[in-house]
């Protein structure tokens, strides 16, 4: 099965659909163009589509609703989670200014001190 992301006028993903391999082939060879033509028969010729990889074997990341398709990088990029996070150019994934702690705990990002804050794993005693 192949996956295709529909893009709006700003290259933001609005939906991701699964297309059968038979609908993405030209002369028995998988083709993004054939898949795009198929998607346009379902959703209209004015729609914009790009193939995405569930295993992220191309276009860096699997597309999700709200992701941006960057044509220059040929990549799907998630929305920036926090202003302090930067885009890793090789993976096209956002990275925190501080590495995630590797002590086995559970943490969430706290933007004000720009650090990881521990999350309580157990309910407080009554």
PDB file of N, CA and C in Angstrom:
ATOM      1  N   UNK A   1       0.835  -1.180   0.000  1.00  0.00           N
ATOM      2  CA  UNK A   1       0.000   0.000   0.000  1.00  0.00           C
ATOM      3  C   UNK A   1       0.884   1.248   0.000  1.00  0.00           C
ATOM      4  N   UNK A   2       0.394   2.261  -0.668  1.00  0.00           N
ATOM      5  CA  UNK A   2       1.112   3.534  -0.727  1.00  0.00           C
ATOM      6  C   UNK A   2       0.303   4.571   0.043  1.00  0.00           C
ATOM      7  N   UNK A   3       0.977   5.590   0.527  1.00  0.00           N
ATOM      8  CA  UNK A   3       0.331   6.654   1.290  1.00  0.00           C
ATOM      9  C   UNK A   3       0.567   7.980   0.580  1.00  0.00           C
ATOM     10  N   UNK A   4      -0.499   8.774   0.504  1.00  0.00           N
ATOM     11  CA  UNK A   4      -0.419  10.072  -0.158  1.00  0.00           C
ATOM     12  C   UNK A   4      -0.987  11.147   0.756  1.00  0.00           C
ATOM     13  N   UNK A   5      -0.302  12.279   0.779  1.00  0.00           N
ATOM     14  CA  UNK A   5      -0.707  13.425   1.603  1.00  0.00           C
ATOM     15  C   UNK A   5      -1.295  14.495   0.697  1.00  0.00           C
ATOM     16  N   UNK A   6      -2.487  14.976   1.079  1.00  0.00           N
ATOM     17  CA  UNK A   6      -3.084  16.098   0.364  1.00  0.00           C
ATOM     18  C   UNK A   6      -2.563  17.384   0.981  1.00  0.00           C
ATOM     19  N   UNK A   7      -2.175  18.330   0.111  1.00  0.00           N
ATOM     20  CA  UNK A   7      -1.602  19.596   0.569  1.00  0.00           C
ATOM     21  C   UNK A   7      -2.536  20.747   0.216  1.00  0.00           C
ATOM     22  N   UNK A   8      -2.592  21.739   1.102  1.00  0.00           N
ATOM     23  CA  UNK A   8      -3.358  22.948   0.783  1.00  0.00           C
ATOM     24  C   UNK A   8      -2.467  23.922   0.011  1.00  0.00           C
ATOM     25  N   UNK A   9      -2.961  25.130  -0.200  1.00  0.00           N
ATOM     26  CA  UNK A   9      -2.216  26.116  -0.997  1.00  0.00           C
ATOM     27  C   UNK A   9      -0.902  26.546  -0.347  1.00  0.00           C
ATOM     28  N   UNK A  10      -0.741  26.280   0.960  1.00  0.00           N
ATOM     29  CA  UNK A  10       0.498  26.620   1.672  1.00  0.00           C
ATOM     30  C   UNK A  10       1.382  25.396   1.912  1.00  0.00           C
ATOM     31  N   UNK A  11       1.080  24.298   1.240  1.00  0.00           N
ATOM     32  CA  UNK A  11       1.807  23.033   1.392  1.00  0.00           C
ATOM     33  C   UNK A  11       1.680  22.428   2.785  1.00  0.00           C
ATOM     34  N   UNK A  12       0.542  22.688   3.429  1.00  0.00           N
ATOM     35  CA  UNK A  12       0.236  22.071   4.722  1.00  0.00           C
ATOM     36  C   UNK A  12      -0.620  20.830   4.462  1.00  0.00           C
ATOM     37  N   UNK A  13      -0.282  19.726   5.123  1.00  0.00           N
ATOM     38  CA  UNK A  13      -1.012  18.472   4.947  1.00  0.00           C
ATOM     39  C   UNK A  13      -2.391  18.590   5.573  1.00  0.00           C
ATOM     40  N   UNK A  14      -3.418  18.269   4.778  1.00  0.00           N
ATOM     41  CA  UNK A  14      -4.800  18.310   5.269  1.00  0.00           C
ATOM     42  C   UNK A  14      -5.372  16.921   5.507  1.00  0.00           C
ATOM     43  N   UNK A  15      -4.822  15.925   4.827  1.00  0.00           N
ATOM     44  CA  UNK A  15      -5.215  14.542   5.065  1.00  0.00           C
ATOM     45  C   UNK A  15      -4.182  13.613   4.450  1.00  0.00           C
ATOM     46  N   UNK A  16      -4.153  12.380   4.950  1.00  0.00           N
ATOM     47  CA  UNK A  16      -3.284  11.347   4.411  1.00  0.00           C
ATOM     48  C   UNK A  16      -4.158  10.141   4.113  1.00  0.00           C
ATOM     49  N   UNK A  17      -4.023   9.600   2.903  1.00  0.00           N
ATOM     50  CA  UNK A  17      -4.845   8.452   2.517  1.00  0.00           C
ATOM     51  C   UNK A  17      -3.957   7.292   2.087  1.00  0.00           C
ATOM     52  N   UNK A  18      -4.543   6.099   2.102  1.00  0.00           N
ATOM     53  CA  UNK A  18      -3.870   4.893   1.642  1.00  0.00           C
ATOM     54  C   UNK A  18      -4.400   4.576   0.250  1.00  0.00           C
ATOM     55  N   UNK A  19      -3.491   4.284  -0.658  1.00  0.00           N
ATOM     56  CA  UNK A  19      -3.843   3.955  -2.034  1.00  0.00           C
ATOM     57  C   UNK A  19      -3.277   2.573  -2.342  1.00  0.00           C
ATOM     58  N   UNK A  20      -4.100   1.715  -2.914  1.00  0.00           N
ATOM     59  CA  UNK A  20      -3.654   0.360  -3.263  1.00  0.00           C
ATOM     60  C   UNK A  20      -2.530   0.441  -4.288  1.00  0.00           C
ATOM     61  N   UNK A  21      -1.577  -0.460  -4.174  1.00  0.00           N
ATOM     62  CA  UNK A  21      -0.426  -0.471  -5.086  1.00  0.00           C
ATOM     63  C   UNK A  21      -0.845  -0.538  -6.553  1.00  0.00           C
ATOM     64  N   UNK A  22      -1.936  -1.247  -6.851  1.00  0.00           N
ATOM     65  CA  UNK A  22      -2.392  -1.351  -8.243  1.00  0.00           C
ATOM     66  C   UNK A  22      -2.760   0.009  -8.824  1.00  0.00           C
ATOM     67  N   UNK A  23      -3.142   0.955  -7.973  1.00  0.00           N
ATOM     68  CA  UNK A  23      -3.540   2.283  -8.429  1.00  0.00           C
ATOM     69  C   UNK A  23      -2.365   3.248  -8.509  1.00  0.00           C
ATOM     70  N   UNK A  24      -1.167   2.756  -8.242  1.00  0.00           N
ATOM     71  CA  UNK A  24       0.043   3.590  -8.250  1.00  0.00           C
ATOM     72  C   UNK A  24       1.080   3.056  -9.225  1.00  0.00           C
ATOM     73  N   UNK A  25       0.640   2.319 -10.222  1.00  0.00           N
ATOM     74  CA  UNK A  25       1.607   1.695 -11.116  1.00  0.00           C
ATOM     75  C   UNK A  25       1.413   2.123 -12.563  1.00  0.00           C
ATOM     76  N   UNK A  26       2.537   2.199 -13.251  1.00  0.00           N
ATOM     77  CA  UNK A  26       2.564   2.383 -14.702  1.00  0.00           C
ATOM     78  C   UNK A  26       3.387   1.225 -15.243  1.00  0.00           C
ATOM     79  N   UNK A  27       2.748   0.386 -16.047  1.00  0.00           N
ATOM     80  CA  UNK A  27       3.411  -0.797 -16.611  1.00  0.00           C
ATOM     81  C   UNK A  27       4.039  -1.667 -15.529  1.00  0.00           C
ATOM     82  N   UNK A  28       3.345  -1.823 -14.402  1.00  0.00           N
ATOM     83  CA  UNK A  28       3.806  -2.691 -13.325  1.00  0.00           C
ATOM     84  C   UNK A  28       4.859  -2.099 -12.413  1.00  0.00           C
ATOM     85  N   UNK A  29       5.202  -0.841 -12.622  1.00  0.00           N
ATOM     86  CA  UNK A  29       6.209  -0.181 -11.782  1.00  0.00           C
ATOM     87  C   UNK A  29       5.527   0.913 -10.971  1.00  0.00           C
ATOM     88  N   UNK A  30       5.777   0.905  -9.636  1.00  0.00           N
ATOM     89  CA  UNK A  30       5.162   1.926  -8.792  1.00  0.00           C
ATOM     90  C   UNK A  30       5.628   3.312  -9.211  1.00  0.00           C
ATOM     91  N   UNK A  31       4.677   4.245  -9.255  1.00  0.00           N
ATOM     92  CA  UNK A  31       4.968   5.596  -9.707  1.00  0.00           C
ATOM     93  C   UNK A  31       4.183   6.593  -8.869  1.00  0.00           C
ATOM     94  N   UNK A  32       4.894   7.581  -8.323  1.00  0.00           N
ATOM     95  CA  UNK A  32       4.211   8.630  -7.579  1.00  0.00           C
ATOM     96  C   UNK A  32       3.225   9.358  -8.484  1.00  0.00           C
ATOM     97  N   UNK A  33       3.609   9.605  -9.723  1.00  0.00           N
ATOM     98  CA  UNK A  33       2.723  10.309 -10.654  1.00  0.00           C
ATOM     99  C   UNK A  33       1.411   9.570 -10.849  1.00  0.00           C
ATOM    100  N   UNK A  34       1.472   8.249 -10.996  1.00  0.00           N
ATOM    101  CA  UNK A  34       0.252   7.453 -11.162  1.00  0.00           C
ATOM    102  C   UNK A  34      -0.622   7.559  -9.915  1.00  0.00           C
ATOM    103  N   UNK A  35      -0.009   7.527  -8.745  1.00  0.00           N
ATOM    104  CA  UNK A  35      -0.764   7.667  -7.503  1.00  0.00           C
ATOM    105  C   UNK A  35      -1.419   9.030  -7.387  1.00  0.00           C
ATOM    106  N   UNK A  36      -0.716  10.079  -7.813  1.00  0.00           N
ATOM    107  CA  UNK A  36      -1.268  11.431  -7.772  1.00  0.00           C
ATOM    108  C   UNK A  36      -2.466  11.536  -8.715  1.00  0.00           C
ATOM    109  N   UNK A  37      -2.339  10.971  -9.903  1.00  0.00           N
ATOM    110  CA  UNK A  37      -3.462  10.980 -10.850  1.00  0.00           C
ATOM    111  C   UNK A  37      -4.662  10.269 -10.241  1.00  0.00           C
ATOM    112  N   UNK A  38      -4.427   9.135  -9.597  1.00  0.00           N
ATOM    113  CA  UNK A  38      -5.518   8.399  -8.944  1.00  0.00           C
ATOM    114  C   UNK A  38      -6.176   9.248  -7.854  1.00  0.00           C
ATOM    115  N   UNK A  39      -5.370   9.895  -7.014  1.00  0.00           N
ATOM    116  CA  UNK A  39      -5.912  10.738  -5.942  1.00  0.00           C
ATOM    117  C   UNK A  39      -6.759  11.868  -6.522  1.00  0.00           C
ATOM    118  N   UNK A  40      -6.316  12.439  -7.611  1.00  0.00           N
ATOM    119  CA  UNK A  40      -7.066  13.535  -8.238  1.00  0.00           C
ATOM    120  C   UNK A  40      -8.383  13.056  -8.832  1.00  0.00           C
ATOM    121  N   UNK A  41      -8.451  11.782  -9.247  1.00  0.00           N
ATOM    122  CA  UNK A  41      -9.738  11.260  -9.732  1.00  0.00           C
ATOM    123  C   UNK A  41     -10.725  11.124  -8.574  1.00  0.00           C
ATOM    124  N   UNK A  42     -10.215  10.902  -7.381  1.00  0.00           N
ATOM    125  CA  UNK A  42     -11.089  10.772  -6.207  1.00  0.00           C
ATOM    126  C   UNK A  42     -11.492  12.119  -5.618  1.00  0.00           C
ATOM    127  N   UNK A  43     -10.546  13.065  -5.582  1.00  0.00           N
ATOM    128  CA  UNK A  43     -10.753  14.306  -4.838  1.00  0.00           C
ATOM    129  C   UNK A  43     -10.793  15.565  -5.703  1.00  0.00           C
ATOM    130  N   UNK A  44     -10.586  15.426  -6.988  1.00  0.00           N
ATOM    131  CA  UNK A  44     -10.644  16.583  -7.875  1.00  0.00           C
ATOM    132  C   UNK A  44      -9.293  16.938  -8.443  1.00  0.00           C
ATOM    133  N   UNK A  45      -9.327  17.459  -9.673  1.00  0.00           N
ATOM    134  CA  UNK A  45      -8.078  17.764 -10.377  1.00  0.00           C
ATOM    135  C   UNK A  45      -7.329  18.944  -9.772  1.00  0.00           C
ATOM    136  N   UNK A  46      -8.014  19.782  -9.003  1.00  0.00           N
ATOM    137  CA  UNK A  46      -7.358  20.946  -8.416  1.00  0.00           C
ATOM    138  C   UNK A  46      -6.672  20.635  -7.093  1.00  0.00           C
ATOM    139  N   UNK A  47      -6.698  19.385  -6.662  1.00  0.00           N
ATOM    140  CA  UNK A  47      -6.058  19.019  -5.397  1.00  0.00           C
ATOM    141  C   UNK A  47      -4.575  18.765  -5.632  1.00  0.00           C
ATOM    142  N   UNK A  48      -3.796  18.896  -4.570  1.00  0.00           N
ATOM    143  CA  UNK A  48      -2.338  18.754  -4.635  1.00  0.00           C
ATOM    144  C   UNK A  48      -1.929  17.592  -3.728  1.00  0.00           C
ATOM    145  N   UNK A  49      -1.109  16.698  -4.242  1.00  0.00           N
ATOM    146  CA  UNK A  49      -0.726  15.485  -3.521  1.00  0.00           C
ATOM    147  C   UNK A  49       0.777  15.235  -3.602  1.00  0.00           C
ATOM    148  N   UNK A  50       1.323  14.592  -2.559  1.00  0.00           N
ATOM    149  CA  UNK A  50       2.688  14.092  -2.554  1.00  0.00           C
ATOM    150  C   UNK A  50       2.668  12.742  -1.838  1.00  0.00           C
ATOM    151  N   UNK A  51       3.485  11.836  -2.338  1.00  0.00           N
ATOM    152  CA  UNK A  51       3.566  10.536  -1.688  1.00  0.00           C
ATOM    153  C   UNK A  51       4.382  10.672  -0.413  1.00  0.00           C
ATOM    154  N   UNK A  52       4.000   9.904   0.593  1.00  0.00           N
ATOM    155  CA  UNK A  52       4.722   9.888   1.859  1.00  0.00           C
ATOM    156  C   UNK A  52       5.040   8.442   2.208  1.00  0.00           C
ATOM    157  N   UNK A  53       6.047   8.229   2.992  1.00  0.00           N
ATOM    158  CA  UNK A  53       6.489   6.883   3.332  1.00  0.00           C
ATOM    159  C   UNK A  53       6.171   6.580   4.791  1.00  0.00           C
ATOM    160  N   UNK A  54       5.383   5.532   4.999  1.00  0.00           N
ATOM    161  CA  UNK A  54       5.026   5.118   6.357  1.00  0.00           C
ATOM    162  C   UNK A  54       6.270   4.773   7.172  1.00  0.00           C
ATOM    163  N   UNK A  55       7.295   4.252   6.507  1.00  0.00           N
ATOM    164  CA  UNK A  55       8.551   3.898   7.181  1.00  0.00           C
ATOM    165  C   UNK A  55       9.587   5.001   7.096  1.00  0.00           C
ATOM    166  N   UNK A  56       9.193   6.171   6.573  1.00  0.00           N
ATOM    167  CA  UNK A  56      10.086   7.324   6.424  1.00  0.00           C
ATOM    168  C   UNK A  56      11.329   6.982   5.614  1.00  0.00           C
ATOM    169  N   UNK A  57      11.162   6.132   4.586  1.00  0.00           N
ATOM    170  CA  UNK A  57      12.300   5.775   3.736  1.00  0.00           C
ATOM    171  C   UNK A  57      12.595   6.861   2.708  1.00  0.00           C
ATOM    172  N   UNK A  58      11.659   7.791   2.521  1.00  0.00           N
ATOM    173  CA  UNK A  58      11.908   8.969   1.701  1.00  0.00           C
ATOM    174  C   UNK A  58      11.087  10.115   2.260  1.00  0.00           C
ATOM    175  N   UNK A  59      11.456  11.319   1.915  1.00  0.00           N
ATOM    176  CA  UNK A  59      10.840  12.557   2.392  1.00  0.00           C
ATOM    177  C   UNK A  59      10.931  12.704   3.917  1.00  0.00           C
ATOM    178  N   UNK A  60      11.972  12.126   4.474  1.00  0.00           N
ATOM    179  CA  UNK A  60      12.403  12.285   5.875  1.00  0.00           C
ATOM    180  C   UNK A  60      11.416  11.760   6.918  1.00  0.00           C
ATOM    181  N   UNK A  61      10.134  12.191   6.853  1.00  0.00           N
ATOM    182  CA  UNK A  61       9.152  11.837   7.874  1.00  0.00           C
ATOM    183  C   UNK A  61       7.831  11.461   7.226  1.00  0.00           C
ATOM    184  N   UNK A  62       7.098  10.580   7.885  1.00  0.00           N
ATOM    185  CA  UNK A  62       5.745  10.259   7.439  1.00  0.00           C
ATOM    186  C   UNK A  62       4.872  11.497   7.652  1.00  0.00           C
ATOM    187  N   UNK A  63       4.115  11.860   6.647  1.00  0.00           N
ATOM    188  CA  UNK A  63       3.285  13.067   6.735  1.00  0.00           C
ATOM    189  C   UNK A  63       2.159  12.883   7.752  1.00  0.00           C
ATOM    190  N   UNK A  64       1.870  13.947   8.454  1.00  0.00           N
ATOM    191  CA  UNK A  64       0.739  13.980   9.374  1.00  0.00           C
ATOM    192  C   UNK A  64      -0.049  15.253   9.129  1.00  0.00           C
ATOM    193  N   UNK A  65      -1.292  15.252   9.544  1.00  0.00           N
ATOM    194  CA  UNK A  65      -2.115  16.449   9.377  1.00  0.00           C
ATOM    195  C   UNK A  65      -1.437  17.608  10.108  1.00  0.00           C
ATOM    196  N   UNK A  66      -1.318  18.730   9.408  1.00  0.00           N
ATOM    197  CA  UNK A  66      -0.652  19.901   9.971  1.00  0.00           C
ATOM    198  C   UNK A  66       0.824  19.990   9.624  1.00  0.00           C
ATOM    199  N   UNK A  67       1.408  18.927   9.098  1.00  0.00           N
ATOM    200  CA  UNK A  67       2.808  18.967   8.685  1.00  0.00           C
ATOM    201  C   UNK A  67       2.946  19.859   7.453  1.00  0.00           C
ATOM    202  N   UNK A  68       4.148  20.374   7.256  1.00  0.00           N
ATOM    203  CA  UNK A  68       4.454  21.208   6.094  1.00  0.00           C
ATOM    204  C   UNK A  68       5.307  20.395   5.128  1.00  0.00           C
ATOM    205  N   UNK A  69       4.967  20.452   3.845  1.00  0.00           N
ATOM    206  CA  UNK A  69       5.833  19.837   2.842  1.00  0.00           C
ATOM    207  C   UNK A  69       6.786  20.902   2.348  1.00  0.00           C
ATOM    208  N   UNK A  70       8.072  20.696   2.593  1.00  0.00           N
ATOM    209  CA  UNK A  70       9.116  21.621   2.162  1.00  0.00           C
ATOM    210  C   UNK A  70       9.706  21.082   0.864  1.00  0.00           C
ATOM    211  N   UNK A  71       9.393  21.723  -0.245  1.00  0.00           N
ATOM    212  CA  UNK A  71       9.834  21.248  -1.562  1.00  0.00           C
ATOM    213  C   UNK A  71      11.347  21.311  -1.708  1.00  0.00           C
ATOM    214  N   UNK A  72      11.999  22.323  -1.139  1.00  0.00           N
ATOM    215  CA  UNK A  72      13.458  22.433  -1.257  1.00  0.00           C
ATOM    216  C   UNK A  72      14.161  21.275  -0.559  1.00  0.00           C
ATOM    217  N   UNK A  73      13.652  20.874   0.596  1.00  0.00           N
ATOM    218  CA  UNK A  73      14.239  19.754   1.332  1.00  0.00           C
ATOM    219  C   UNK A  73      13.644  18.415   0.893  1.00  0.00           C
ATOM    220  N   UNK A  74      12.560  18.471   0.107  1.00  0.00           N
ATOM    221  CA  UNK A  74      11.789  17.287  -0.284  1.00  0.00           C
ATOM    222  C   UNK A  74      11.442  16.471   0.966  1.00  0.00           C
ATOM    223  N   UNK A  75      10.840  17.169   1.945  1.00  0.00           N
ATOM    224  CA  UNK A  75      10.588  16.557   3.246  1.00  0.00           C
ATOM    225  C   UNK A  75       9.279  17.058   3.848  1.00  0.00           C
ATOM    226  N   UNK A  76       8.660  16.177   4.623  1.00  0.00           N
ATOM    227  CA  UNK A  76       7.523  16.564   5.457  1.00  0.00           C
ATOM    228  C   UNK A  76       8.067  16.928   6.830  1.00  0.00           C
ATOM    229  N   UNK A  77       7.648  18.086   7.335  1.00  0.00           N
ATOM    230  CA  UNK A  77       8.169  18.589   8.605  1.00  0.00           C
ATOM    231  C   UNK A  77       7.000  18.886   9.539  1.00  0.00           C
ATOM    232  N   UNK A  78       7.082  18.355  10.750  1.00  0.00           N
ATOM    233  CA  UNK A  78       6.047  18.585  11.760  1.00  0.00           C
ATOM    234  C   UNK A  78       6.042  20.061  12.160  1.00  0.00           C
ATOM    235  N   UNK A  79       4.915  20.538  12.694  1.00  0.00           N
ATOM    236  CA  UNK A  79       4.921  21.909  13.227  1.00  0.00           C
ATOM    237  C   UNK A  79       5.954  22.033  14.356  1.00  0.00           C
ATOM    238  N   UNK A  80       6.564  23.192  14.457  1.00  0.00           N
ATOM    239  CA  UNK A  80       7.561  23.424  15.503  1.00  0.00           C
ATOM    240  C   UNK A  80       6.869  23.360  16.865  1.00  0.00           C
ATOM    241  N   UNK A  81       7.301  22.445  17.752  1.00  0.00           N
ATOM    242  CA  UNK A  81       6.604  22.275  19.027  1.00  0.00           C
ATOM    243  C   UNK A  81       6.818  23.422  20.014  1.00  0.00           C
ATOM    244  N   UNK A  82       7.994  24.033  19.980  1.00  0.00           N
ATOM    245  CA  UNK A  82       8.319  25.133  20.890  1.00  0.00           C
ATOM    246  C   UNK A  82       9.226  26.118  20.156  1.00  0.00           C
ATOM    247  N   UNK A  83       9.143  27.400  20.486  1.00  0.00           N
ATOM    248  CA  UNK A  83       9.980  28.395  19.804  1.00  0.00           C
ATOM    249  C   UNK A  83      11.482  28.147  19.942  1.00  0.00           C
ATOM    250  N   UNK A  84      11.899  27.538  21.040  1.00  0.00           N
ATOM    251  CA  UNK A  84      13.332  27.339  21.270  1.00  0.00           C
ATOM    252  C   UNK A  84      13.905  26.137  20.518  1.00  0.00           C
ATOM    253  N   UNK A  85      13.054  25.285  19.972  1.00  0.00           N
ATOM    254  CA  UNK A  85      13.539  24.084  19.291  1.00  0.00           C
ATOM    255  C   UNK A  85      14.019  24.436  17.890  1.00  0.00           C
ATOM    256  N   UNK A  86      15.052  23.738  17.431  1.00  0.00           N
ATOM    257  CA  UNK A  86      15.617  23.994  16.107  1.00  0.00           C
ATOM    258  C   UNK A  86      15.450  22.760  15.221  1.00  0.00           C
ATOM    259  N   UNK A  87      15.414  23.018  13.934  1.00  0.00           N
ATOM    260  CA  UNK A  87      15.233  21.943  12.967  1.00  0.00           C
ATOM    261  C   UNK A  87      16.574  21.287  12.652  1.00  0.00           C
ATOM    262  N   UNK A  88      16.630  19.976  12.801  1.00  0.00           N
ATOM    263  CA  UNK A  88      17.803  19.215  12.408  1.00  0.00           C
ATOM    264  C   UNK A  88      17.713  19.044  10.890  1.00  0.00           C
ATOM    265  N   UNK A  89      18.652  19.617  10.165  1.00  0.00           N
ATOM    266  CA  UNK A  89      18.598  19.620   8.704  1.00  0.00           C
ATOM    267  C   UNK A  89      18.720  18.224   8.099  1.00  0.00           C
ATOM    268  N   UNK A  90      19.399  17.318   8.755  1.00  0.00           N
ATOM    269  CA  UNK A  90      19.569  15.987   8.170  1.00  0.00           C
ATOM    270  C   UNK A  90      18.347  15.097   8.389  1.00  0.00           C
ATOM    271  N   UNK A  91      17.645  15.263   9.519  1.00  0.00           N
ATOM    272  CA  UNK A  91      16.473  14.431   9.792  1.00  0.00           C
ATOM    273  C   UNK A  91      15.157  15.169   9.558  1.00  0.00           C
ATOM    274  N   UNK A  92      15.219  16.499   9.488  1.00  0.00           N
ATOM    275  CA  UNK A  92      14.023  17.355   9.400  1.00  0.00           C
ATOM    276  C   UNK A  92      13.081  17.112  10.580  1.00  0.00           C
ATOM    277  N   UNK A  93      13.673  16.896  11.750  1.00  0.00           N
ATOM    278  CA  UNK A  93      12.917  16.776  12.994  1.00  0.00           C
ATOM    279  C   UNK A  93      13.381  17.870  13.948  1.00  0.00           C
ATOM    280  N   UNK A  94      12.449  18.294  14.808  1.00  0.00           N
ATOM    281  CA  UNK A  94      12.743  19.367  15.763  1.00  0.00           C
ATOM    282  C   UNK A  94      13.497  18.815  16.960  1.00  0.00           C
ATOM    283  N   UNK A  95      14.471  19.585  17.428  1.00  0.00           N
ATOM    284  CA  UNK A  95      15.279  19.159  18.574  1.00  0.00           C
ATOM    285  C   UNK A  95      15.282  20.239  19.640  1.00  0.00           C
ATOM    286  N   UNK A  96      15.175  19.788  20.871  1.00  0.00           N
ATOM    287  CA  UNK A  96      15.216  20.690  22.014  1.00  0.00           C
ATOM    288  C   UNK A  96      16.638  21.207  22.211  1.00  0.00           C
ATOM    289  N   UNK A  97      16.781  22.379  22.855  1.00  0.00           N
ATOM    290  CA  UNK A  97      18.124  22.901  23.121  1.00  0.00           C
ATOM    291  C   UNK A  97      18.915  22.039  24.098  1.00  0.00           C
ATOM    292  N   UNK A  98      18.207  21.233  24.882  1.00  0.00           N
ATOM    293  CA  UNK A  98      18.849  20.343  25.859  1.00  0.00           C
ATOM    294  C   UNK A  98      18.464  18.907  25.507  1.00  0.00           C
ATOM    295  N   UNK A  99      19.380  17.956  25.564  1.00  0.00           N
ATOM    296  CA  UNK A  99      19.011  16.561  25.267  1.00  0.00           C
ATOM    297  C   UNK A  99      18.043  16.007  26.318  1.00  0.00           C
ATOM    298  N   UNK A 100      17.192  15.095  25.876  1.00  0.00           N
ATOM    299  CA  UNK A 100      16.251  14.431  26.781  1.00  0.00           C
ATOM    300  C   UNK A 100      17.038  13.607  27.792  1.00  0.00           C
ATOM    301  N   UNK A 101      16.709  13.695  29.082  1.00  0.00           N
ATOM    302  CA  UNK A 101      17.448  12.925  30.096  1.00  0.00           C
ATOM    303  C   UNK A 101      17.340  11.421  29.828  1.00  0.00           C
ATOM    304  N   UNK A 102      18.394  10.706  30.079  1.00  0.00           N
ATOM    305  CA  UNK A 102      18.398   9.259  29.831  1.00  0.00           C
ATOM    306  C   UNK A 102      18.487   8.460  31.123  1.00  0.00           C
ATOM    307  N   UNK A 103      17.828   8.956  32.179  1.00  0.00           N
ATOM    308  CA  UNK A 103      17.873   8.276  33.468  1.00  0.00           C
ATOM    309  C   UNK A 103      16.669   7.366  33.695  1.00  0.00           C
ATOM    310  N   UNK A 104      15.854   7.154  32.653  1.00  0.00           N
ATOM    311  CA  UNK A 104      14.681   6.281  32.789  1.00  0.00           C
ATOM    312  C   UNK A 104      13.430   7.001  33.245  1.00  0.00           C
ATOM    313  N   UNK A 105      13.535   8.255  33.605  1.00  0.00           N
ATOM    314  CA  UNK A 105      12.369   9.020  34.043  1.00  0.00           C
ATOM    315  C   UNK A 105      11.535   9.497  32.859  1.00  0.00           C
ATOM    316  N   UNK A 106      10.377  10.069  33.187  1.00  0.00           N
ATOM    317  CA  UNK A 106       9.490  10.637  32.176  1.00  0.00           C
ATOM    318  C   UNK A 106       9.530  12.150  32.335  1.00  0.00           C
ATOM    319  N   UNK A 107       9.716  12.846  31.231  1.00  0.00           N
ATOM    320  CA  UNK A 107       9.886  14.293  31.262  1.00  0.00           C
ATOM    321  C   UNK A 107       9.012  14.961  30.208  1.00  0.00           C
ATOM    322  N   UNK A 108       8.728  16.223  30.434  1.00  0.00           N
ATOM    323  CA  UNK A 108       8.064  17.070  29.444  1.00  0.00           C
ATOM    324  C   UNK A 108       8.910  18.323  29.298  1.00  0.00           C
ATOM    325  N   UNK A 109       8.809  18.950  28.137  1.00  0.00           N
ATOM    326  CA  UNK A 109       9.581  20.152  27.900  1.00  0.00           C
ATOM    327  C   UNK A 109       8.922  21.337  28.580  1.00  0.00           C
ATOM    328  N   UNK A 110       9.699  22.151  29.297  1.00  0.00           N
ATOM    329  CA  UNK A 110       9.227  23.386  29.915  1.00  0.00           C
ATOM    330  C   UNK A 110       9.936  24.533  29.214  1.00  0.00           C
ATOM    331  N   UNK A 111       9.181  25.318  28.456  1.00  0.00           N
ATOM    332  CA  UNK A 111       9.769  26.349  27.605  1.00  0.00           C
ATOM    333  C   UNK A 111      10.364  27.513  28.386  1.00  0.00           C
ATOM    334  N   UNK A 112       9.796  27.858  29.547  1.00  0.00           N
ATOM    335  CA  UNK A 112      10.268  29.045  30.267  1.00  0.00           C
ATOM    336  C   UNK A 112      11.715  28.889  30.741  1.00  0.00           C
ATOM    337  N   UNK A 113      12.077  27.815  31.439  1.00  0.00           N
ATOM    338  CA  UNK A 113      13.505  27.677  31.752  1.00  0.00           C
ATOM    339  C   UNK A 113      14.283  26.963  30.640  1.00  0.00           C
ATOM    340  N   UNK A 114      13.568  26.522  29.600  1.00  0.00           N
ATOM    341  CA  UNK A 114      14.138  25.753  28.506  1.00  0.00           C
ATOM    342  C   UNK A 114      14.908  24.545  29.035  1.00  0.00           C
ATOM    343  N   UNK A 115      14.147  23.694  29.708  1.00  0.00           N
ATOM    344  CA  UNK A 115      14.723  22.485  30.282  1.00  0.00           C
ATOM    345  C   UNK A 115      13.625  21.438  30.413  1.00  0.00           C
ATOM    346  N   UNK A 116      14.034  20.205  30.638  1.00  0.00           N
ATOM    347  CA  UNK A 116      13.090  19.108  30.825  1.00  0.00           C
ATOM    348  C   UNK A 116      12.605  19.081  32.272  1.00  0.00           C
ATOM    349  N   UNK A 117      11.299  18.927  32.457  1.00  0.00           N
ATOM    350  CA  UNK A 117      10.712  18.860  33.794  1.00  0.00           C
ATOM    351  C   UNK A 117      10.186  17.449  34.010  1.00  0.00           C
ATOM    352  N   UNK A 118      10.498  16.902  35.180  1.00  0.00           N
ATOM    353  CA  UNK A 118      10.051  15.548  35.493  1.00  0.00           C
ATOM    354  C   UNK A 118       8.531  15.515  35.600  1.00  0.00           C
ATOM    355  N   UNK A 119       7.962  14.396  35.112  1.00  0.00           N
ATOM    356  CA  UNK A 119       6.520  14.174  35.205  1.00  0.00           C
ATOM    357  C   UNK A 119       6.323  13.123  36.272  1.00  0.00           C
ATOM    358  N   UNK A 120       5.386  13.369  37.192  1.00  0.00           N
ATOM    359  CA  UNK A 120       5.125  12.388  38.250  1.00  0.00           C
ATOM    360  C   UNK A 120       4.557  11.125  37.629  1.00  0.00           C
ATOM    361  N   UNK A 121       5.109   9.989  37.991  1.00  0.00           N
ATOM    362  CA  UNK A 121       4.642   8.725  37.428  1.00  0.00           C
ATOM    363  C   UNK A 121       3.575   8.062  38.291  1.00  0.00           C
ATOM    364  N   UNK A 122       3.427   8.522  39.527  1.00  0.00           N
ATOM    365  CA  UNK A 122       2.424   7.936  40.407  1.00  0.00           C
ATOM    366  C   UNK A 122       1.500   9.039  40.914  1.00  0.00           C
ATOM    367  N   UNK A 123       0.270   8.650  41.221  1.00  0.00           N
ATOM    368  CA  UNK A 123      -0.686   9.591  41.775  1.00  0.00           C
ATOM    369  C   UNK A 123      -0.259   9.952  43.200  1.00  0.00           C
ATOM    370  N   UNK A 124      -0.454  11.212  43.598  1.00  0.00           N
ATOM    371  CA  UNK A 124      -0.095  11.585  44.973  1.00  0.00           C
ATOM    372  C   UNK A 124      -0.918  10.795  45.999  1.00  0.00           C
ATOM    373  N   UNK A 125      -0.314  10.538  47.128  1.00  0.00           N
ATOM    374  CA  UNK A 125      -1.023   9.799  48.192  1.00  0.00           C
ATOM    375  C   UNK A 125      -2.177  10.619  48.714  1.00  0.00           C
ATOM    376  N   UNK A 126      -3.266   9.928  49.052  1.00  0.00           N
ATOM    377  CA  UNK A 126      -4.463  10.613  49.543  1.00  0.00           C
ATOM    378  C   UNK A 126      -4.360  10.959  50.992  1.00  0.00           C
TER     379      UNK A 126
END
